[in-house]
Amino acid sequence: MNNEQKIIDAIIAEAKQDAANITQRARDDAEQAIAAAQVSISEQNAPVLEKARASADELSSKSISSAKTEAGKSILAAKQQILENAVSGAKAKLLGLTGKEYEDILMKMADSVGDPSGCVVILSQNDKENYGQLFTQKGFGVSEKTRQLSSGFIVQKDAVEYNFTFESIFTASKDVIDEIAAGILFA
């Protein structure tokens, strides 16, 4: 039995060794399969991951751009309000002129008419009483009729009337006045 036992022990040892070798190869093959699967999954997920990153970057860029646009709109609105306030203030100051300052402005405007011959000036009742004589001295005729004018005057030549009231000058020159005021305020 001794020889037989040795043969049986040798067969069992060889079978155990073959089983261990087969098990190790199976483990190695499984690890290779898992590693290959992980590489494959990474390769498959890379475009998805890159697309998600690009989408996040685009969304972030759009948010920043939108915020900048909104900030620009707010700044523009504030500047427009400042401009309107400045122009309104200048207009109120001009409309509120009295005495010598008002007289000087009226006479400069009268000088801008050019040749006064054949021109008749139409004034408010108050301006006619206070400044009518000055227009006459400059060669203008002064109409007997008056109008409800807040400031300034109207020049009538033949059948045409030229409106030199402060209100009409502001209205006609609004774009130019806004441009000048904007240049001063925001330069």
C-alpha atoms as a PDB file:
ATOM      1  CA  MET A   1       0.000   0.000   0.000  1.00  0.00           C
ATOM      2  CA  ASN A   2       2.863   2.163   0.369  1.00  0.00           C
ATOM      3  CA  ASN A   3       3.504   2.430  -3.342  1.00  0.00           C
ATOM      4  CA  GLU A   4      -0.127   2.756  -4.097  1.00  0.00           C
ATOM      5  CA  GLN A   5      -0.520   5.443  -1.506  1.00  0.00           C
ATOM      6  CA  LYS A   6       2.407   7.343  -2.982  1.00  0.00           C
ATOM      7  CA  ILE A   7       0.840   7.175  -6.439  1.00  0.00           C
ATOM      8  CA  ILE A   8      -2.544   8.333  -5.084  1.00  0.00           C
ATOM      9  CA  ASP A   9      -0.850  11.147  -3.154  1.00  0.00           C
ATOM     10  CA  ALA A  10       1.079  12.159  -6.295  1.00  0.00           C
ATOM     11  CA  ILE A  11      -2.131  12.164  -8.384  1.00  0.00           C
ATOM     12  CA  ILE A  12      -3.954  14.185  -5.731  1.00  0.00           C
ATOM     13  CA  ALA A  13      -1.054  16.664  -5.463  1.00  0.00           C
ATOM     14  CA  GLU A  14      -0.938  16.972  -9.251  1.00  0.00           C
ATOM     15  CA  ALA A  15      -4.714  17.475  -9.391  1.00  0.00           C
ATOM     16  CA  LYS A  16      -4.515  20.128  -6.672  1.00  0.00           C
ATOM     17  CA  GLN A  17      -1.734  21.875  -8.584  1.00  0.00           C
ATOM     18  CA  ASP A  18      -3.740  21.752 -11.835  1.00  0.00           C
ATOM     19  CA  ALA A  19      -6.808  23.104 -10.021  1.00  0.00           C
ATOM     20  CA  ALA A  20      -4.739  25.929  -8.502  1.00  0.00           C
ATOM     21  CA  ASN A  21      -3.277  26.747 -11.939  1.00  0.00           C
ATOM     22  CA  ILE A  22      -6.732  26.711 -13.551  1.00  0.00           C
ATOM     23  CA  THR A  23      -8.130  28.904 -10.750  1.00  0.00           C
ATOM     24  CA  GLN A  24      -5.229  31.378 -11.097  1.00  0.00           C
ATOM     25  CA  ARG A  25      -5.696  31.579 -14.885  1.00  0.00           C
ATOM     26  CA  ALA A  26      -9.427  32.166 -14.387  1.00  0.00           C
ATOM     27  CA  ARG A  27      -8.668  34.947 -11.895  1.00  0.00           C
ATOM     28  CA  ASP A  28      -6.146  36.510 -14.310  1.00  0.00           C
ATOM     29  CA  ASP A  29      -8.624  36.265 -17.185  1.00  0.00           C
ATOM     30  CA  ALA A  30     -11.378  37.801 -15.016  1.00  0.00           C
ATOM     31  CA  GLU A  31      -9.092  40.665 -13.953  1.00  0.00           C
ATOM     32  CA  GLN A  32      -8.162  41.301 -17.593  1.00  0.00           C
ATOM     33  CA  ALA A  33     -11.835  41.239 -18.570  1.00  0.00           C
ATOM     34  CA  ILE A  34     -12.691  43.653 -15.731  1.00  0.00           C
ATOM     35  CA  ALA A  35      -9.820  45.999 -16.711  1.00  0.00           C
ATOM     36  CA  ALA A  36     -10.905  45.881 -20.370  1.00  0.00           C
ATOM     37  CA  ALA A  37     -14.501  46.568 -19.343  1.00  0.00           C
ATOM     38  CA  GLN A  38     -13.402  49.526 -17.211  1.00  0.00           C
ATOM     39  CA  VAL A  39     -11.398  50.963 -20.144  1.00  0.00           C
ATOM     40  CA  SER A  40     -14.378  50.429 -22.430  1.00  0.00           C
ATOM     41  CA  ILE A  41     -16.739  52.105 -19.964  1.00  0.00           C
ATOM     42  CA  SER A  42     -14.315  55.032 -19.550  1.00  0.00           C
ATOM     43  CA  GLU A  43     -14.064  55.381 -23.324  1.00  0.00           C
ATOM     44  CA  GLN A  44     -17.854  55.256 -23.656  1.00  0.00           C
ATOM     45  CA  ASN A  45     -18.360  57.738 -20.835  1.00  0.00           C
ATOM     46  CA  ALA A  46     -15.663  60.172 -21.998  1.00  0.00           C
ATOM     47  CA  PRO A  47     -17.867  61.801 -24.685  1.00  0.00           C
ATOM     48  CA  VAL A  48     -20.783  61.983 -22.249  1.00  0.00           C
ATOM     49  CA  LEU A  49     -18.537  63.523 -19.612  1.00  0.00           C
ATOM     50  CA  GLU A  50     -17.027  65.952 -22.130  1.00  0.00           C
ATOM     51  CA  LYS A  51     -20.486  66.918 -23.368  1.00  0.00           C
ATOM     52  CA  ALA A  52     -21.605  67.555 -19.781  1.00  0.00           C
ATOM     53  CA  ARG A  53     -18.523  69.721 -19.156  1.00  0.00           C
ATOM     54  CA  ALA A  54     -19.100  71.653 -22.401  1.00  0.00           C
ATOM     55  CA  SER A  55     -22.763  72.129 -21.528  1.00  0.00           C
ATOM     56  CA  ALA A  56     -21.831  73.420 -18.068  1.00  0.00           C
ATOM     57  CA  ASP A  57     -19.227  75.782 -19.590  1.00  0.00           C
ATOM     58  CA  GLU A  58     -21.748  77.054 -22.141  1.00  0.00           C
ATOM     59  CA  LEU A  59     -24.398  77.578 -19.474  1.00  0.00           C
ATOM     60  CA  SER A  60     -21.889  79.421 -17.309  1.00  0.00           C
ATOM     61  CA  SER A  61     -20.811  81.571 -20.257  1.00  0.00           C
ATOM     62  CA  LYS A  62     -24.433  82.368 -21.125  1.00  0.00           C
ATOM     63  CA  SER A  63     -25.170  83.277 -17.508  1.00  0.00           C
ATOM     64  CA  ILE A  64     -22.178  85.608 -17.366  1.00  0.00           C
ATOM     65  CA  SER A  65     -23.104  87.139 -20.716  1.00  0.00           C
ATOM     66  CA  SER A  66     -26.702  87.605 -19.610  1.00  0.00           C
ATOM     67  CA  ALA A  67     -25.586  89.204 -16.340  1.00  0.00           C
ATOM     68  CA  LYS A  68     -23.269  91.572 -18.231  1.00  0.00           C
ATOM     69  CA  THR A  69     -26.095  92.495 -20.602  1.00  0.00           C
ATOM     70  CA  GLU A  70     -28.472  93.186 -17.726  1.00  0.00           C
ATOM     71  CA  ALA A  71     -25.821  95.233 -15.935  1.00  0.00           C
ATOM     72  CA  GLY A  72     -25.231  97.206 -19.138  1.00  0.00           C
ATOM     73  CA  LYS A  73     -28.961  97.856 -19.466  1.00  0.00           C
ATOM     74  CA  SER A  74     -29.142  99.076 -15.871  1.00  0.00           C
ATOM     75  CA  ILE A  75     -26.162 101.379 -16.354  1.00  0.00           C
ATOM     76  CA  LEU A  76     -27.644 102.733 -19.580  1.00  0.00           C
ATOM     77  CA  ALA A  77     -30.998 103.368 -17.890  1.00  0.00           C
ATOM     78  CA  ALA A  78     -29.245 105.205 -15.054  1.00  0.00           C
ATOM     79  CA  LYS A  79     -27.238 107.304 -17.527  1.00  0.00           C
ATOM     80  CA  GLN A  80     -30.394 108.127 -19.476  1.00  0.00           C
ATOM     81  CA  GLN A  81     -32.096 109.221 -16.260  1.00  0.00           C
ATOM     82  CA  ILE A  82     -29.109 111.408 -15.348  1.00  0.00           C
ATOM     83  CA  LEU A  83     -29.177 112.888 -18.853  1.00  0.00           C
ATOM     84  CA  GLU A  84     -32.913 113.592 -18.650  1.00  0.00           C
ATOM     85  CA  ASN A  85     -32.468 115.207 -15.238  1.00  0.00           C
ATOM     86  CA  ALA A  86     -29.596 117.377 -16.512  1.00  0.00           C
ATOM     87  CA  VAL A  87     -31.539 118.514 -19.592  1.00  0.00           C
ATOM     88  CA  SER A  88     -34.690 119.117 -17.528  1.00  0.00           C
ATOM     89  CA  GLY A  89     -32.667 121.127 -15.033  1.00  0.00           C
ATOM     90  CA  ALA A  90     -31.112 123.249 -17.777  1.00  0.00           C
ATOM     91  CA  LYS A  91     -34.521 123.755 -19.361  1.00  0.00           C
ATOM     92  CA  ALA A  92     -36.077 124.774 -16.037  1.00  0.00           C
ATOM     93  CA  LYS A  93     -33.224 127.195 -15.405  1.00  0.00           C
ATOM     94  CA  LEU A  94     -33.627 128.768 -18.856  1.00  0.00           C
ATOM     95  CA  LEU A  95     -37.400 128.990 -18.513  1.00  0.00           C
ATOM     96  CA  GLY A  96     -36.939 130.558 -15.079  1.00  0.00           C
ATOM     97  CA  LEU A  97     -34.666 133.380 -16.259  1.00  0.00           C
ATOM     98  CA  THR A  98     -35.837 136.878 -15.375  1.00  0.00           C
ATOM     99  CA  GLY A  99     -34.613 140.425 -15.612  1.00  0.00           C
ATOM    100  CA  LYS A 100     -31.307 141.187 -17.296  1.00  0.00           C
ATOM    101  CA  GLU A 101     -30.414 137.526 -17.942  1.00  0.00           C
ATOM    102  CA  TYR A 102     -33.699 136.940 -19.755  1.00  0.00           C
ATOM    103  CA  GLU A 103     -33.333 140.208 -21.668  1.00  0.00           C
ATOM    104  CA  ASP A 104     -29.804 139.262 -22.791  1.00  0.00           C
ATOM    105  CA  ILE A 105     -31.017 135.877 -24.063  1.00  0.00           C
ATOM    106  CA  LEU A 106     -33.953 137.476 -25.935  1.00  0.00           C
ATOM    107  CA  MET A 107     -31.671 140.018 -27.615  1.00  0.00           C
ATOM    108  CA  LYS A 108     -29.124 137.349 -28.638  1.00  0.00           C
ATOM    109  CA  MET A 109     -31.963 135.330 -30.129  1.00  0.00           C
ATOM    110  CA  ALA A 110     -33.232 138.458 -31.930  1.00  0.00           C
ATOM    111  CA  ASP A 111     -29.734 139.030 -33.356  1.00  0.00           C
ATOM    112  CA  SER A 112     -29.721 135.456 -34.664  1.00  0.00           C
ATOM    113  CA  VAL A 113     -32.736 136.253 -36.874  1.00  0.00           C
ATOM    114  CA  GLY A 114     -30.571 138.292 -39.193  1.00  0.00           C
ATOM    115  CA  ASP A 115     -32.045 141.255 -41.101  1.00  0.00           C
ATOM    116  CA  PRO A 116     -35.073 142.412 -39.078  1.00  0.00           C
ATOM    117  CA  SER A 117     -36.641 144.461 -41.881  1.00  0.00           C
ATOM    118  CA  GLY A 118     -40.120 143.197 -42.655  1.00  0.00           C
ATOM    119  CA  CYS A 119     -40.161 141.111 -39.471  1.00  0.00           C
ATOM    120  CA  VAL A 120     -42.807 141.534 -36.813  1.00  0.00           C
ATOM    121  CA  VAL A 121     -42.190 140.128 -33.341  1.00  0.00           C
ATOM    122  CA  ILE A 122     -45.086 138.610 -31.411  1.00  0.00           C
ATOM    123  CA  LEU A 123     -44.536 138.563 -27.644  1.00  0.00           C
ATOM    124  CA  SER A 124     -46.395 137.649 -24.490  1.00  0.00           C
ATOM    125  CA  GLN A 125     -48.181 140.562 -22.852  1.00  0.00           C
ATOM    126  CA  ASN A 126     -45.541 140.767 -20.116  1.00  0.00           C
ATOM    127  CA  ASP A 127     -42.587 140.578 -22.558  1.00  0.00           C
ATOM    128  CA  LYS A 128     -44.204 143.162 -24.824  1.00  0.00           C
ATOM    129  CA  GLU A 129     -44.422 145.599 -21.916  1.00  0.00           C
ATOM    130  CA  ASN A 130     -40.888 144.887 -20.671  1.00  0.00           C
ATOM    131  CA  TYR A 131     -38.900 144.234 -23.871  1.00  0.00           C
ATOM    132  CA  GLY A 132     -41.000 145.442 -26.823  1.00  0.00           C
ATOM    133  CA  GLN A 133     -39.007 148.694 -27.064  1.00  0.00           C
ATOM    134  CA  LEU A 134     -35.706 146.745 -27.292  1.00  0.00           C
ATOM    135  CA  PHE A 135     -37.009 144.814 -30.326  1.00  0.00           C
ATOM    136  CA  THR A 136     -38.095 148.098 -31.922  1.00  0.00           C
ATOM    137  CA  GLN A 137     -34.592 149.509 -31.376  1.00  0.00           C
ATOM    138  CA  LYS A 138     -33.158 146.482 -33.223  1.00  0.00           C
ATOM    139  CA  GLY A 139     -35.390 147.246 -36.234  1.00  0.00           C
ATOM    140  CA  PHE A 140     -38.208 144.763 -35.637  1.00  0.00           C
ATOM    141  CA  GLY A 141     -41.858 145.641 -35.761  1.00  0.00           C
ATOM    142  CA  VAL A 142     -43.730 144.668 -32.608  1.00  0.00           C
ATOM    143  CA  SER A 143     -47.199 143.209 -33.085  1.00  0.00           C
ATOM    144  CA  GLU A 144     -50.097 144.798 -31.281  1.00  0.00           C
ATOM    145  CA  LYS A 145     -51.426 141.288 -30.672  1.00  0.00           C
ATOM    146  CA  THR A 146     -49.885 139.180 -27.938  1.00  0.00           C
ATOM    147  CA  ARG A 147     -49.830 135.431 -27.364  1.00  0.00           C
ATOM    148  CA  GLN A 148     -49.692 133.180 -24.353  1.00  0.00           C
ATOM    149  CA  LEU A 149     -45.979 132.408 -24.520  1.00  0.00           C
ATOM    150  CA  SER A 150     -44.059 131.239 -21.463  1.00  0.00           C
ATOM    151  CA  SER A 151     -40.758 132.621 -22.773  1.00  0.00           C
ATOM    152  CA  GLY A 152     -39.232 133.731 -26.051  1.00  0.00           C
ATOM    153  CA  PHE A 153     -41.026 135.178 -29.038  1.00  0.00           C
ATOM    154  CA  ILE A 154     -42.369 134.504 -32.519  1.00  0.00           C
ATOM    155  CA  VAL A 155     -41.080 136.264 -35.631  1.00  0.00           C
ATOM    156  CA  GLN A 156     -43.578 136.786 -38.418  1.00  0.00           C
ATOM    157  CA  LYS A 157     -42.244 137.578 -41.871  1.00  0.00           C
ATOM    158  CA  ASP A 158     -44.794 137.724 -44.683  1.00  0.00           C
ATOM    159  CA  ALA A 159     -47.116 134.746 -44.053  1.00  0.00           C
ATOM    160  CA  VAL A 160     -44.490 132.636 -42.253  1.00  0.00           C
ATOM    161  CA  GLU A 161     -43.980 132.439 -38.497  1.00  0.00           C
ATOM    162  CA  TYR A 162     -40.690 131.417 -36.914  1.00  0.00           C
ATOM    163  CA  ASN A 163     -41.030 130.128 -33.382  1.00  0.00           C
ATOM    164  CA  PHE A 164     -38.270 131.381 -31.064  1.00  0.00           C
ATOM    165  CA  THR A 165     -39.944 130.301 -27.828  1.00  0.00           C
ATOM    166  CA  PHE A 166     -37.654 128.455 -25.448  1.00  0.00           C
ATOM    167  CA  GLU A 167     -40.021 125.501 -25.463  1.00  0.00           C
ATOM    168  CA  SER A 168     -39.871 125.118 -29.271  1.00  0.00           C
ATOM    169  CA  ILE A 169     -36.108 125.574 -29.337  1.00  0.00           C
ATOM    170  CA  PHE A 170     -35.716 122.791 -26.759  1.00  0.00           C
ATOM    171  CA  THR A 171     -38.066 120.536 -28.704  1.00  0.00           C
ATOM    172  CA  ALA A 172     -36.363 121.176 -32.055  1.00  0.00           C
ATOM    173  CA  SER A 173     -32.876 120.834 -30.588  1.00  0.00           C
ATOM    174  CA  LYS A 174     -33.544 117.916 -28.235  1.00  0.00           C
ATOM    175  CA  ASP A 175     -31.222 115.463 -30.005  1.00  0.00           C
ATOM    176  CA  VAL A 176     -28.380 117.980 -30.202  1.00  0.00           C
ATOM    177  CA  ILE A 177     -28.884 119.050 -26.571  1.00  0.00           C
ATOM    178  CA  ASP A 178     -28.951 115.404 -25.437  1.00  0.00           C
ATOM    179  CA  GLU A 179     -25.763 114.677 -27.373  1.00  0.00           C
ATOM    180  CA  ILE A 180     -23.952 117.681 -25.902  1.00  0.00           C
ATOM    181  CA  ALA A 181     -25.150 116.899 -22.388  1.00  0.00           C
ATOM    182  CA  ALA A 182     -24.147 113.243 -22.764  1.00  0.00           C
ATOM    183  CA  GLY A 183     -20.711 114.293 -23.966  1.00  0.00           C
ATOM    184  CA  ILE A 184     -20.266 116.512 -20.928  1.00  0.00           C
ATOM    185  CA  LEU A 185     -21.696 114.075 -18.381  1.00  0.00           C
ATOM    186  CA  PHE A 186     -20.184 110.831 -19.640  1.00  0.00           C
ATOM    187  CA  ALA A 187     -16.885 111.861 -21.210  1.00  0.00           C
END
